[in-house]
Amino acid sequence: MNNMKGKILASVFMLVMLAIGIYGYTRAANIPETPLRILYKTNAGKVFFDHQSHLSELGDCTDCHHSYEGEDQPLSCAECHEIGAEESSRAEVLHSQCKDCHETEKKGPVKCEGCHIM
């Protein structure tokens, strides 16, 4: 009798856990309209970019997204600047864009290890 109670209890527990798993898998993810953080994978090490803090400080998308005209979502760097492209490669663009802004504003890292941290 005691063995039967244990089996029933274990079965109920497994069904509850299965239901929770199915619910968690199927519910829609709450994805923000603009990214909060971006992780760039590079040969020099991963770069963790805090998009939300840059957006709140700068406030104007065109400061970084130079081709943005205010319609829909701005294009990501990767959509125009390819890795290793001869002219305006993504690495060159990001290095000049980010480093120049950090130097001008006297905020943020300007040395390799300041961004390539992971």
PDB file of N, CA and C in Angstrom:
ATOM      1  N   MET A   1       0.821  -1.192   0.000  1.00  0.00           N
ATOM      2  CA  MET A   1       0.000   0.000   0.000  1.00  0.00           C
ATOM      3  C   MET A   1       0.861   1.250   0.000  1.00  0.00           C
ATOM      4  N   ASN A   2       1.905   1.262   0.840  1.00  0.00           N
ATOM      5  CA  ASN A   2       2.792   2.407   0.944  1.00  0.00           C
ATOM      6  C   ASN A   2       3.542   2.630  -0.373  1.00  0.00           C
ATOM      7  N   ASN A   3       3.896   1.531  -1.058  1.00  0.00           N
ATOM      8  CA  ASN A   3       4.594   1.597  -2.319  1.00  0.00           C
ATOM      9  C   ASN A   3       3.711   2.231  -3.391  1.00  0.00           C
ATOM     10  N   MET A   4       2.404   1.929  -3.342  1.00  0.00           N
ATOM     11  CA  MET A   4       1.446   2.468  -4.305  1.00  0.00           C
ATOM     12  C   MET A   4       1.315   3.979  -4.119  1.00  0.00           C
ATOM     13  N   LYS A   5       1.270   4.457  -2.868  1.00  0.00           N
ATOM     14  CA  LYS A   5       1.175   5.895  -2.584  1.00  0.00           C
ATOM     15  C   LYS A   5       2.397   6.623  -3.152  1.00  0.00           C
ATOM     16  N   GLY A   6       3.561   6.033  -3.003  1.00  0.00           N
ATOM     17  CA  GLY A   6       4.801   6.625  -3.510  1.00  0.00           C
ATOM     18  C   GLY A   6       4.791   6.734  -5.018  1.00  0.00           C
ATOM     19  N   LYS A   7       4.278   5.714  -5.679  1.00  0.00           N
ATOM     20  CA  LYS A   7       4.203   5.732  -7.136  1.00  0.00           C
ATOM     21  C   LYS A   7       3.224   6.787  -7.617  1.00  0.00           C
ATOM     22  N   ILE A   8       2.093   6.903  -6.944  1.00  0.00           N
ATOM     23  CA  ILE A   8       1.093   7.914  -7.317  1.00  0.00           C
ATOM     24  C   ILE A   8       1.661   9.312  -7.102  1.00  0.00           C
ATOM     25  N   LEU A   9       2.306   9.529  -5.962  1.00  0.00           N
ATOM     26  CA  LEU A   9       2.902  10.818  -5.649  1.00  0.00           C
ATOM     27  C   LEU A   9       3.982  11.176  -6.672  1.00  0.00           C
ATOM     28  N   ALA A  10       4.826  10.214  -7.033  1.00  0.00           N
ATOM     29  CA  ALA A  10       5.873  10.445  -8.025  1.00  0.00           C
ATOM     30  C   ALA A  10       5.269  10.758  -9.387  1.00  0.00           C
ATOM     31  N   SER A  11       4.190  10.064  -9.744  1.00  0.00           N
ATOM     32  CA  SER A  11       3.525  10.305 -11.033  1.00  0.00           C
ATOM     33  C   SER A  11       2.914  11.693 -11.080  1.00  0.00           C
ATOM     34  N   VAL A  12       2.259  12.099 -10.004  1.00  0.00           N
ATOM     35  CA  VAL A  12       1.657  13.435  -9.941  1.00  0.00           C
ATOM     36  C   VAL A  12       2.755  14.495 -10.044  1.00  0.00           C
ATOM     37  N   PHE A  13       3.850  14.287  -9.319  1.00  0.00           N
ATOM     38  CA  PHE A  13       4.968  15.222  -9.347  1.00  0.00           C
ATOM     39  C   PHE A  13       5.519  15.356 -10.770  1.00  0.00           C
ATOM     40  N   MET A  14       5.692  14.209 -11.453  1.00  0.00           N
ATOM     41  CA  MET A  14       6.218  14.246 -12.822  1.00  0.00           C
ATOM     42  C   MET A  14       5.252  14.951 -13.765  1.00  0.00           C
ATOM     43  N   LEU A  15       3.944  14.742 -13.594  1.00  0.00           N
ATOM     44  CA  LEU A  15       2.959  15.420 -14.448  1.00  0.00           C
ATOM     45  C   LEU A  15       2.968  16.924 -14.223  1.00  0.00           C
ATOM     46  N   VAL A  16       3.077  17.341 -12.968  1.00  0.00           N
ATOM     47  CA  VAL A  16       3.140  18.778 -12.659  1.00  0.00           C
ATOM     48  C   VAL A  16       4.393  19.385 -13.285  1.00  0.00           C
ATOM     49  N   MET A  17       5.529  18.715 -13.132  1.00  0.00           N
ATOM     50  CA  MET A  17       6.775  19.222 -13.706  1.00  0.00           C
ATOM     51  C   MET A  17       6.700  19.255 -15.236  1.00  0.00           C
ATOM     52  N   LEU A  18       6.078  18.262 -15.842  1.00  0.00           N
ATOM     53  CA  LEU A  18       5.895  18.242 -17.285  1.00  0.00           C
ATOM     54  C   LEU A  18       5.031  19.421 -17.731  1.00  0.00           C
ATOM     55  N   ALA A  19       3.942  19.671 -17.011  1.00  0.00           N
ATOM     56  CA  ALA A  19       3.060  20.800 -17.341  1.00  0.00           C
ATOM     57  C   ALA A  19       3.811  22.127 -17.226  1.00  0.00           C
ATOM     58  N   ILE A  20       4.611  22.295 -16.183  1.00  0.00           N
ATOM     59  CA  ILE A  20       5.390  23.527 -16.011  1.00  0.00           C
ATOM     60  C   ILE A  20       6.394  23.665 -17.153  1.00  0.00           C
ATOM     61  N   GLY A  21       7.042  22.586 -17.527  1.00  0.00           N
ATOM     62  CA  GLY A  21       7.996  22.612 -18.630  1.00  0.00           C
ATOM     63  C   GLY A  21       7.345  22.986 -19.945  1.00  0.00           C
ATOM     64  N   ILE A  22       6.195  22.397 -20.239  1.00  0.00           N
ATOM     65  CA  ILE A  22       5.476  22.708 -21.478  1.00  0.00           C
ATOM     66  C   ILE A  22       5.034  24.169 -21.482  1.00  0.00           C
ATOM     67  N   TYR A  23       4.534  24.644 -20.352  1.00  0.00           N
ATOM     68  CA  TYR A  23       4.108  26.044 -20.256  1.00  0.00           C
ATOM     69  C   TYR A  23       5.295  26.978 -20.498  1.00  0.00           C
ATOM     70  N   GLY A  24       6.409  26.713 -19.865  1.00  0.00           N
ATOM     71  CA  GLY A  24       7.587  27.558 -20.021  1.00  0.00           C
ATOM     72  C   GLY A  24       8.124  27.551 -21.440  1.00  0.00           C
ATOM     73  N   TYR A  25       8.053  26.423 -22.096  1.00  0.00           N
ATOM     74  CA  TYR A  25       8.549  26.294 -23.465  1.00  0.00           C
ATOM     75  C   TYR A  25       7.643  27.007 -24.463  1.00  0.00           C
ATOM     76  N   THR A  26       6.344  26.958 -24.234  1.00  0.00           N
ATOM     77  CA  THR A  26       5.413  27.479 -25.229  1.00  0.00           C
ATOM     78  C   THR A  26       5.007  28.934 -25.030  1.00  0.00           C
ATOM     79  N   ARG A  27       5.230  29.483 -23.845  1.00  0.00           N
ATOM     80  CA  ARG A  27       4.792  30.864 -23.657  1.00  0.00           C
ATOM     81  C   ARG A  27       5.684  31.800 -24.450  1.00  0.00           C
ATOM     82  N   ALA A  28       5.118  32.886 -24.924  1.00  0.00           N
ATOM     83  CA  ALA A  28       5.856  33.842 -25.754  1.00  0.00           C
ATOM     84  C   ALA A  28       6.882  34.583 -24.911  1.00  0.00           C
ATOM     85  N   ALA A  29       8.075  34.717 -25.468  1.00  0.00           N
ATOM     86  CA  ALA A  29       9.134  35.453 -24.776  1.00  0.00           C
ATOM     87  C   ALA A  29       8.843  36.952 -24.867  1.00  0.00           C
ATOM     88  N   ASN A  30       9.124  37.647 -23.797  1.00  0.00           N
ATOM     89  CA  ASN A  30       8.939  39.096 -23.773  1.00  0.00           C
ATOM     90  C   ASN A  30      10.220  39.752 -24.293  1.00  0.00           C
ATOM     91  N   ILE A  31      10.304  39.924 -25.604  1.00  0.00           N
ATOM     92  CA  ILE A  31      11.496  40.473 -26.233  1.00  0.00           C
ATOM     93  C   ILE A  31      11.321  41.977 -26.400  1.00  0.00           C
ATOM     94  N   PRO A  32      12.266  42.765 -25.871  1.00  0.00           N
ATOM     95  CA  PRO A  32      12.136  44.214 -26.001  1.00  0.00           C
ATOM     96  C   PRO A  32      12.288  44.654 -27.456  1.00  0.00           C
ATOM     97  N   GLU A  33      11.687  45.785 -27.799  1.00  0.00           N
ATOM     98  CA  GLU A  33      11.746  46.295 -29.169  1.00  0.00           C
ATOM     99  C   GLU A  33      13.178  46.657 -29.555  1.00  0.00           C
ATOM    100  N   THR A  34      13.908  47.270 -28.633  1.00  0.00           N
ATOM    101  CA  THR A  34      15.311  47.576 -28.882  1.00  0.00           C
ATOM    102  C   THR A  34      16.154  46.690 -27.967  1.00  0.00           C
ATOM    103  N   PRO A  35      17.301  46.246 -28.457  1.00  0.00           N
ATOM    104  CA  PRO A  35      18.115  45.351 -27.630  1.00  0.00           C
ATOM    105  C   PRO A  35      18.649  46.049 -26.389  1.00  0.00           C
ATOM    106  N   LEU A  36      18.777  45.309 -25.302  1.00  0.00           N
ATOM    107  CA  LEU A  36      19.347  45.850 -24.073  1.00  0.00           C
ATOM    108  C   LEU A  36      20.859  45.732 -24.093  1.00  0.00           C
ATOM    109  N   ARG A  37      21.339  44.595 -24.547  1.00  0.00           N
ATOM    110  CA  ARG A  37      22.770  44.326 -24.611  1.00  0.00           C
ATOM    111  C   ARG A  37      23.046  43.555 -25.899  1.00  0.00           C
ATOM    112  N   ILE A  38      24.261  43.747 -26.419  1.00  0.00           N
ATOM    113  CA  ILE A  38      24.673  43.048 -27.636  1.00  0.00           C
ATOM    114  C   ILE A  38      26.034  42.427 -27.369  1.00  0.00           C
ATOM    115  N   LEU A  39      26.231  41.204 -27.814  1.00  0.00           N
ATOM    116  CA  LEU A  39      27.519  40.542 -27.669  1.00  0.00           C
ATOM    117  C   LEU A  39      28.103  40.339 -29.056  1.00  0.00           C
ATOM    118  N   TYR A  40      29.220  41.015 -29.310  1.00  0.00           N
ATOM    119  CA  TYR A  40      29.931  40.860 -30.581  1.00  0.00           C
ATOM    120  C   TYR A  40      31.010  39.801 -30.402  1.00  0.00           C
ATOM    121  N   LYS A  41      31.052  38.824 -31.293  1.00  0.00           N
ATOM    122  CA  LYS A  41      32.084  37.792 -31.244  1.00  0.00           C
ATOM    123  C   LYS A  41      33.169  38.182 -32.241  1.00  0.00           C
ATOM    124  N   THR A  42      34.384  38.394 -31.733  1.00  0.00           N
ATOM    125  CA  THR A  42      35.490  38.798 -32.583  1.00  0.00           C
ATOM    126  C   THR A  42      36.696  37.902 -32.336  1.00  0.00           C
ATOM    127  N   ASN A  43      37.661  37.984 -33.231  1.00  0.00           N
ATOM    128  CA  ASN A  43      38.892  37.212 -33.066  1.00  0.00           C
ATOM    129  C   ASN A  43      39.704  37.714 -31.880  1.00  0.00           C
ATOM    130  N   ALA A  44      39.543  38.970 -31.508  1.00  0.00           N
ATOM    131  CA  ALA A  44      40.311  39.563 -30.406  1.00  0.00           C
ATOM    132  C   ALA A  44      39.640  39.341 -29.060  1.00  0.00           C
ATOM    133  N   GLY A  45      38.499  38.692 -29.034  1.00  0.00           N
ATOM    134  CA  GLY A  45      37.750  38.466 -27.801  1.00  0.00           C
ATOM    135  C   GLY A  45      36.368  39.067 -27.920  1.00  0.00           C
ATOM    136  N   LYS A  46      35.440  38.520 -27.208  1.00  0.00           N
ATOM    137  CA  LYS A  46      34.059  38.994 -27.282  1.00  0.00           C
ATOM    138  C   LYS A  46      33.934  40.393 -26.696  1.00  0.00           C
ATOM    139  N   VAL A  47      33.047  41.179 -27.311  1.00  0.00           N
ATOM    140  CA  VAL A  47      32.795  42.543 -26.860  1.00  0.00           C
ATOM    141  C   VAL A  47      31.351  42.615 -26.362  1.00  0.00           C
ATOM    142  N   PHE A  48      31.191  42.972 -25.110  1.00  0.00           N
ATOM    143  CA  PHE A  48      29.869  43.142 -24.497  1.00  0.00           C
ATOM    144  C   PHE A  48      29.490  44.609 -24.624  1.00  0.00           C
ATOM    145  N   PHE A  49      28.441  44.898 -25.382  1.00  0.00           N
ATOM    146  CA  PHE A  49      28.013  46.276 -25.635  1.00  0.00           C
ATOM    147  C   PHE A  49      26.679  46.525 -24.934  1.00  0.00           C
ATOM    148  N   ASP A  50      26.657  47.485 -24.033  1.00  0.00           N
ATOM    149  CA  ASP A  50      25.440  47.834 -23.296  1.00  0.00           C
ATOM    150  C   ASP A  50      24.643  48.852 -24.113  1.00  0.00           C
ATOM    151  N   HIS A  51      23.767  48.354 -24.970  1.00  0.00           N
ATOM    152  CA  HIS A  51      22.984  49.197 -25.870  1.00  0.00           C
ATOM    153  C   HIS A  51      22.069  50.143 -25.101  1.00  0.00           C
ATOM    154  N   GLN A  52      21.460  49.636 -24.043  1.00  0.00           N
ATOM    155  CA  GLN A  52      20.501  50.433 -23.287  1.00  0.00           C
ATOM    156  C   GLN A  52      21.156  51.675 -22.672  1.00  0.00           C
ATOM    157  N   SER A  53      22.338  51.526 -22.083  1.00  0.00           N
ATOM    158  CA  SER A  53      22.979  52.690 -21.471  1.00  0.00           C
ATOM    159  C   SER A  53      23.430  53.691 -22.526  1.00  0.00           C
ATOM    160  N   HIS A  54      23.904  53.211 -23.681  1.00  0.00           N
ATOM    161  CA  HIS A  54      24.290  54.131 -24.749  1.00  0.00           C
ATOM    162  C   HIS A  54      23.065  54.869 -25.283  1.00  0.00           C
ATOM    163  N   LEU A  55      21.971  54.156 -25.428  1.00  0.00           N
ATOM    164  CA  LEU A  55      20.744  54.774 -25.928  1.00  0.00           C
ATOM    165  C   LEU A  55      20.219  55.826 -24.950  1.00  0.00           C
ATOM    166  N   SER A  56      20.264  55.525 -23.656  1.00  0.00           N
ATOM    167  CA  SER A  56      19.743  56.488 -22.678  1.00  0.00           C
ATOM    168  C   SER A  56      20.645  57.716 -22.569  1.00  0.00           C
ATOM    169  N   GLU A  57      21.960  57.544 -22.766  1.00  0.00           N
ATOM    170  CA  GLU A  57      22.865  58.695 -22.697  1.00  0.00           C
ATOM    171  C   GLU A  57      22.859  59.506 -23.984  1.00  0.00           C
ATOM    172  N   LEU A  58      22.841  58.837 -25.128  1.00  0.00           N
ATOM    173  CA  LEU A  58      22.899  59.543 -26.407  1.00  0.00           C
ATOM    174  C   LEU A  58      21.512  60.005 -26.847  1.00  0.00           C
ATOM    175  N   GLY A  59      20.554  59.108 -26.770  1.00  0.00           N
ATOM    176  CA  GLY A  59      19.174  59.456 -27.086  1.00  0.00           C
ATOM    177  C   GLY A  59      18.841  59.565 -28.558  1.00  0.00           C
ATOM    178  N   ASP A  60      19.839  59.629 -29.422  1.00  0.00           N
ATOM    179  CA  ASP A  60      19.590  59.770 -30.849  1.00  0.00           C
ATOM    180  C   ASP A  60      20.208  58.582 -31.576  1.00  0.00           C
ATOM    181  N   CYS A  61      19.385  57.772 -32.200  1.00  0.00           N
ATOM    182  CA  CYS A  61      19.863  56.559 -32.861  1.00  0.00           C
ATOM    183  C   CYS A  61      20.882  56.860 -33.956  1.00  0.00           C
ATOM    184  N   THR A  62      20.771  58.042 -34.589  1.00  0.00           N
ATOM    185  CA  THR A  62      21.667  58.362 -35.698  1.00  0.00           C
ATOM    186  C   THR A  62      23.100  58.626 -35.247  1.00  0.00           C
ATOM    187  N   ASP A  63      23.332  58.772 -33.950  1.00  0.00           N
ATOM    188  CA  ASP A  63      24.711  58.931 -33.480  1.00  0.00           C
ATOM    189  C   ASP A  63      25.541  57.695 -33.826  1.00  0.00           C
ATOM    190  N   CYS A  64      24.932  56.538 -33.784  1.00  0.00           N
ATOM    191  CA  CYS A  64      25.635  55.287 -34.129  1.00  0.00           C
ATOM    192  C   CYS A  64      25.145  54.711 -35.446  1.00  0.00           C
ATOM    193  N   HIS A  65      23.846  54.702 -35.638  1.00  0.00           N
ATOM    194  CA  HIS A  65      23.247  54.142 -36.862  1.00  0.00           C
ATOM    195  C   HIS A  65      23.140  55.273 -37.885  1.00  0.00           C
ATOM    196  N   HIS A  66      24.256  55.545 -38.575  1.00  0.00           N
ATOM    197  CA  HIS A  66      24.352  56.728 -39.436  1.00  0.00           C
ATOM    198  C   HIS A  66      23.410  56.722 -40.625  1.00  0.00           C
ATOM    199  N   SER A  67      22.891  55.560 -41.002  1.00  0.00           N
ATOM    200  CA  SER A  67      21.967  55.507 -42.135  1.00  0.00           C
ATOM    201  C   SER A  67      20.507  55.466 -41.694  1.00  0.00           C
ATOM    202  N   TYR A  68      20.258  55.617 -40.401  1.00  0.00           N
ATOM    203  CA  TYR A  68      18.897  55.514 -39.861  1.00  0.00           C
ATOM    204  C   TYR A  68      18.098  56.771 -40.193  1.00  0.00           C
ATOM    205  N   GLU A  69      16.896  56.582 -40.714  1.00  0.00           N
ATOM    206  CA  GLU A  69      16.044  57.704 -41.095  1.00  0.00           C
ATOM    207  C   GLU A  69      14.760  57.757 -40.284  1.00  0.00           C
ATOM    208  N   GLY A  70      14.719  57.058 -39.157  1.00  0.00           N
ATOM    209  CA  GLY A  70      13.572  57.138 -38.264  1.00  0.00           C
ATOM    210  C   GLY A  70      12.406  56.239 -38.603  1.00  0.00           C
ATOM    211  N   GLU A  71      12.574  55.365 -39.550  1.00  0.00           N
ATOM    212  CA  GLU A  71      11.490  54.456 -39.919  1.00  0.00           C
ATOM    213  C   GLU A  71      11.861  53.045 -39.466  1.00  0.00           C
ATOM    214  N   ASP A  72      10.902  52.342 -38.907  1.00  0.00           N
ATOM    215  CA  ASP A  72      11.128  50.975 -38.434  1.00  0.00           C
ATOM    216  C   ASP A  72      12.315  50.915 -37.481  1.00  0.00           C
ATOM    217  N   GLN A  73      13.003  49.796 -37.490  1.00  0.00           N
ATOM    218  CA  GLN A  73      14.186  49.605 -36.648  1.00  0.00           C
ATOM    219  C   GLN A  73      15.426  49.954 -37.463  1.00  0.00           C
ATOM    220  N   PRO A  74      16.432  50.567 -36.836  1.00  0.00           N
ATOM    221  CA  PRO A  74      17.663  50.838 -37.589  1.00  0.00           C
ATOM    222  C   PRO A  74      18.373  49.536 -37.943  1.00  0.00           C
ATOM    223  N   LEU A  75      19.150  49.575 -38.998  1.00  0.00           N
ATOM    224  CA  LEU A  75      19.907  48.399 -39.409  1.00  0.00           C
ATOM    225  C   LEU A  75      21.037  48.155 -38.423  1.00  0.00           C
ATOM    226  N   SER A  76      21.385  46.904 -38.241  1.00  0.00           N
ATOM    227  CA  SER A  76      22.554  46.582 -37.418  1.00  0.00           C
ATOM    228  C   SER A  76      23.797  46.831 -38.254  1.00  0.00           C
ATOM    229  N   CYS A  77      24.928  46.960 -37.590  1.00  0.00           N
ATOM    230  CA  CYS A  77      26.203  47.187 -38.291  1.00  0.00           C
ATOM    231  C   CYS A  77      26.457  46.087 -39.322  1.00  0.00           C
ATOM    232  N   ALA A  78      26.124  44.859 -38.938  1.00  0.00           N
ATOM    233  CA  ALA A  78      26.413  43.699 -39.780  1.00  0.00           C
ATOM    234  C   ALA A  78      25.636  43.716 -41.096  1.00  0.00           C
ATOM    235  N   GLU A  79      24.539  44.438 -41.157  1.00  0.00           N
ATOM    236  CA  GLU A  79      23.745  44.447 -42.372  1.00  0.00           C
ATOM    237  C   GLU A  79      24.404  45.243 -43.498  1.00  0.00           C
ATOM    238  N   CYS A  80      25.296  46.160 -43.150  1.00  0.00           N
ATOM    239  CA  CYS A  80      26.018  46.937 -44.166  1.00  0.00           C
ATOM    240  C   CYS A  80      27.511  46.638 -44.171  1.00  0.00           C
ATOM    241  N   HIS A  81      28.082  46.484 -42.985  1.00  0.00           N
ATOM    242  CA  HIS A  81      29.528  46.316 -42.855  1.00  0.00           C
ATOM    243  C   HIS A  81      29.853  44.849 -42.612  1.00  0.00           C
ATOM    244  N   GLU A  82      30.437  44.208 -43.624  1.00  0.00           N
ATOM    245  CA  GLU A  82      30.757  42.789 -43.526  1.00  0.00           C
ATOM    246  C   GLU A  82      32.090  42.588 -42.818  1.00  0.00           C
ATOM    247  N   ILE A  83      32.235  41.435 -42.198  1.00  0.00           N
ATOM    248  CA  ILE A  83      33.494  41.086 -41.549  1.00  0.00           C
ATOM    249  C   ILE A  83      34.557  40.901 -42.627  1.00  0.00           C
ATOM    250  N   GLY A  84      35.685  41.578 -42.461  1.00  0.00           N
ATOM    251  CA  GLY A  84      36.806  41.409 -43.373  1.00  0.00           C
ATOM    252  C   GLY A  84      36.646  42.075 -44.723  1.00  0.00           C
ATOM    253  N   ALA A  85      35.616  42.885 -44.922  1.00  0.00           N
ATOM    254  CA  ALA A  85      35.438  43.574 -46.196  1.00  0.00           C
ATOM    255  C   ALA A  85      36.607  44.533 -46.408  1.00  0.00           C
ATOM    256  N   GLU A  86      37.021  44.707 -47.660  1.00  0.00           N
ATOM    257  CA  GLU A  86      38.170  45.569 -47.934  1.00  0.00           C
ATOM    258  C   GLU A  86      37.864  47.019 -47.592  1.00  0.00           C
ATOM    259  N   GLU A  87      36.684  47.477 -47.942  1.00  0.00           N
ATOM    260  CA  GLU A  87      36.326  48.868 -47.690  1.00  0.00           C
ATOM    261  C   GLU A  87      35.311  48.922 -46.552  1.00  0.00           C
ATOM    262  N   SER A  88      35.608  49.698 -45.550  1.00  0.00           N
ATOM    263  CA  SER A  88      34.754  49.897 -44.364  1.00  0.00           C
ATOM    264  C   SER A  88      34.295  48.576 -43.739  1.00  0.00           C
ATOM    265  N   SER A  89      35.255  47.767 -43.356  1.00  0.00           N
ATOM    266  CA  SER A  89      34.912  46.520 -42.682  1.00  0.00           C
ATOM    267  C   SER A  89      34.274  46.843 -41.332  1.00  0.00           C
ATOM    268  N   ARG A  90      33.579  45.873 -40.798  1.00  0.00           N
ATOM    269  CA  ARG A  90      32.895  46.072 -39.520  1.00  0.00           C
ATOM    270  C   ARG A  90      33.886  46.434 -38.416  1.00  0.00           C
ATOM    271  N   ALA A  91      35.026  45.770 -38.378  1.00  0.00           N
ATOM    272  CA  ALA A  91      36.025  46.057 -37.341  1.00  0.00           C
ATOM    273  C   ALA A  91      36.510  47.492 -37.437  1.00  0.00           C
ATOM    274  N   GLU A  92      36.821  47.950 -38.645  1.00  0.00           N
ATOM    275  CA  GLU A  92      37.297  49.332 -38.824  1.00  0.00           C
ATOM    276  C   GLU A  92      36.227  50.329 -38.411  1.00  0.00           C
ATOM    277  N   VAL A  93      35.010  50.085 -38.834  1.00  0.00           N
ATOM    278  CA  VAL A  93      33.913  51.006 -38.533  1.00  0.00           C
ATOM    279  C   VAL A  93      33.648  51.072 -37.032  1.00  0.00           C
ATOM    280  N   LEU A  94      33.549  49.904 -36.393  1.00  0.00           N
ATOM    281  CA  LEU A  94      33.280  49.903 -34.953  1.00  0.00           C
ATOM    282  C   LEU A  94      34.433  50.503 -34.167  1.00  0.00           C
ATOM    283  N   HIS A  95      35.655  50.194 -34.574  1.00  0.00           N
ATOM    284  CA  HIS A  95      36.801  50.768 -33.866  1.00  0.00           C
ATOM    285  C   HIS A  95      36.794  52.287 -33.977  1.00  0.00           C
ATOM    286  N   SER A  96      36.587  52.811 -35.188  1.00  0.00           N
ATOM    287  CA  SER A  96      36.602  54.272 -35.323  1.00  0.00           C
ATOM    288  C   SER A  96      35.379  54.903 -34.663  1.00  0.00           C
ATOM    289  N   GLN A  97      34.224  54.327 -34.858  1.00  0.00           N
ATOM    290  CA  GLN A  97      32.985  54.880 -34.282  1.00  0.00           C
ATOM    291  C   GLN A  97      33.041  54.901 -32.761  1.00  0.00           C
ATOM    292  N   CYS A  98      33.340  53.762 -32.172  1.00  0.00           N
ATOM    293  CA  CYS A  98      33.321  53.654 -30.713  1.00  0.00           C
ATOM    294  C   CYS A  98      34.488  54.395 -30.072  1.00  0.00           C
ATOM    295  N   LYS A  99      35.672  54.132 -30.576  1.00  0.00           N
ATOM    296  CA  LYS A  99      36.869  54.726 -29.973  1.00  0.00           C
ATOM    297  C   LYS A  99      36.857  56.252 -30.119  1.00  0.00           C
ATOM    298  N   ASP A 100      36.489  56.743 -31.305  1.00  0.00           N
ATOM    299  CA  ASP A 100      36.441  58.201 -31.505  1.00  0.00           C
ATOM    300  C   ASP A 100      35.439  58.853 -30.563  1.00  0.00           C
ATOM    301  N   CYS A 101      34.279  58.229 -30.389  1.00  0.00           N
ATOM    302  CA  CYS A 101      33.256  58.781 -29.489  1.00  0.00           C
ATOM    303  C   CYS A 101      33.763  58.743 -28.042  1.00  0.00           C
ATOM    304  N   HIS A 102      34.358  57.652 -27.641  1.00  0.00           N
ATOM    305  CA  HIS A 102      34.874  57.545 -26.275  1.00  0.00           C
ATOM    306  C   HIS A 102      35.952  58.586 -26.014  1.00  0.00           C
ATOM    307  N   GLU A 103      36.812  58.842 -27.002  1.00  0.00           N
ATOM    308  CA  GLU A 103      37.848  59.854 -26.838  1.00  0.00           C
ATOM    309  C   GLU A 103      37.252  61.253 -26.787  1.00  0.00           C
ATOM    310  N   THR A 104      36.287  61.537 -27.656  1.00  0.00           N
ATOM    311  CA  THR A 104      35.645  62.853 -27.697  1.00  0.00           C
ATOM    312  C   THR A 104      34.882  63.139 -26.410  1.00  0.00           C
ATOM    313  N   GLU A 105      34.108  62.172 -25.960  1.00  0.00           N
ATOM    314  CA  GLU A 105      33.275  62.343 -24.766  1.00  0.00           C
ATOM    315  C   GLU A 105      34.054  62.118 -23.470  1.00  0.00           C
ATOM    316  N   LYS A 106      35.282  61.618 -23.609  1.00  0.00           N
ATOM    317  CA  LYS A 106      36.103  61.276 -22.437  1.00  0.00           C
ATOM    318  C   LYS A 106      35.370  60.310 -21.499  1.00  0.00           C
ATOM    319  N   LYS A 107      34.677  59.350 -22.133  1.00  0.00           N
ATOM    320  CA  LYS A 107      33.954  58.291 -21.423  1.00  0.00           C
ATOM    321  C   LYS A 107      34.179  56.992 -22.166  1.00  0.00           C
ATOM    322  N   GLY A 108      34.299  55.928 -21.425  1.00  0.00           N
ATOM    323  CA  GLY A 108      34.396  54.601 -22.036  1.00  0.00           C
ATOM    324  C   GLY A 108      35.817  54.240 -22.391  1.00  0.00           C
ATOM    325  N   PRO A 109      36.037  52.966 -22.658  1.00  0.00           N
ATOM    326  CA  PRO A 109      37.381  52.463 -22.932  1.00  0.00           C
ATOM    327  C   PRO A 109      37.880  52.870 -24.334  1.00  0.00           C
ATOM    328  N   VAL A 110      39.197  53.005 -24.459  1.00  0.00           N
ATOM    329  CA  VAL A 110      39.819  53.285 -25.751  1.00  0.00           C
ATOM    330  C   VAL A 110      40.932  52.291 -26.078  1.00  0.00           C
ATOM    331  N   LYS A 111      41.289  51.452 -25.122  1.00  0.00           N
ATOM    332  CA  LYS A 111      42.297  50.421 -25.351  1.00  0.00           C
ATOM    333  C   LYS A 111      41.607  49.091 -25.604  1.00  0.00           C
ATOM    334  N   CYS A 112      42.304  48.209 -26.307  1.00  0.00           N
ATOM    335  CA  CYS A 112      41.736  46.919 -26.721  1.00  0.00           C
ATOM    336  C   CYS A 112      41.057  46.174 -25.584  1.00  0.00           C
ATOM    337  N   GLU A 113      41.781  46.003 -24.473  1.00  0.00           N
ATOM    338  CA  GLU A 113      41.273  45.203 -23.370  1.00  0.00           C
ATOM    339  C   GLU A 113      40.075  45.852 -22.662  1.00  0.00           C
ATOM    340  N   GLY A 114      39.802  47.098 -22.960  1.00  0.00           N
ATOM    341  CA  GLY A 114      38.638  47.769 -22.377  1.00  0.00           C
ATOM    342  C   GLY A 114      37.327  47.280 -22.960  1.00  0.00           C
ATOM    343  N   CYS A 115      37.357  46.872 -24.219  1.00  0.00           N
ATOM    344  CA  CYS A 115      36.153  46.358 -24.897  1.00  0.00           C
ATOM    345  C   CYS A 115      36.201  44.845 -25.082  1.00  0.00           C
ATOM    346  N   HIS A 116      37.355  44.351 -25.514  1.00  0.00           N
ATOM    347  CA  HIS A 116      37.513  42.912 -25.779  1.00  0.00           C
ATOM    348  C   HIS A 116      37.832  42.219 -24.455  1.00  0.00           C
ATOM    349  N   ILE A 117      36.791  41.962 -23.687  1.00  0.00           N
ATOM    350  CA  ILE A 117      36.986  41.482 -22.318  1.00  0.00           C
ATOM    351  C   ILE A 117      36.617  40.025 -22.116  1.00  0.00           C
ATOM    352  N   MET A 118      35.933  39.411 -23.023  1.00  0.00           N
ATOM    353  CA  MET A 118      35.447  38.058 -22.771  1.00  0.00           C
ATOM    354  C   MET A 118      36.172  37.059 -23.654  1.00  0.00           C
TER     355      MET A 118
END
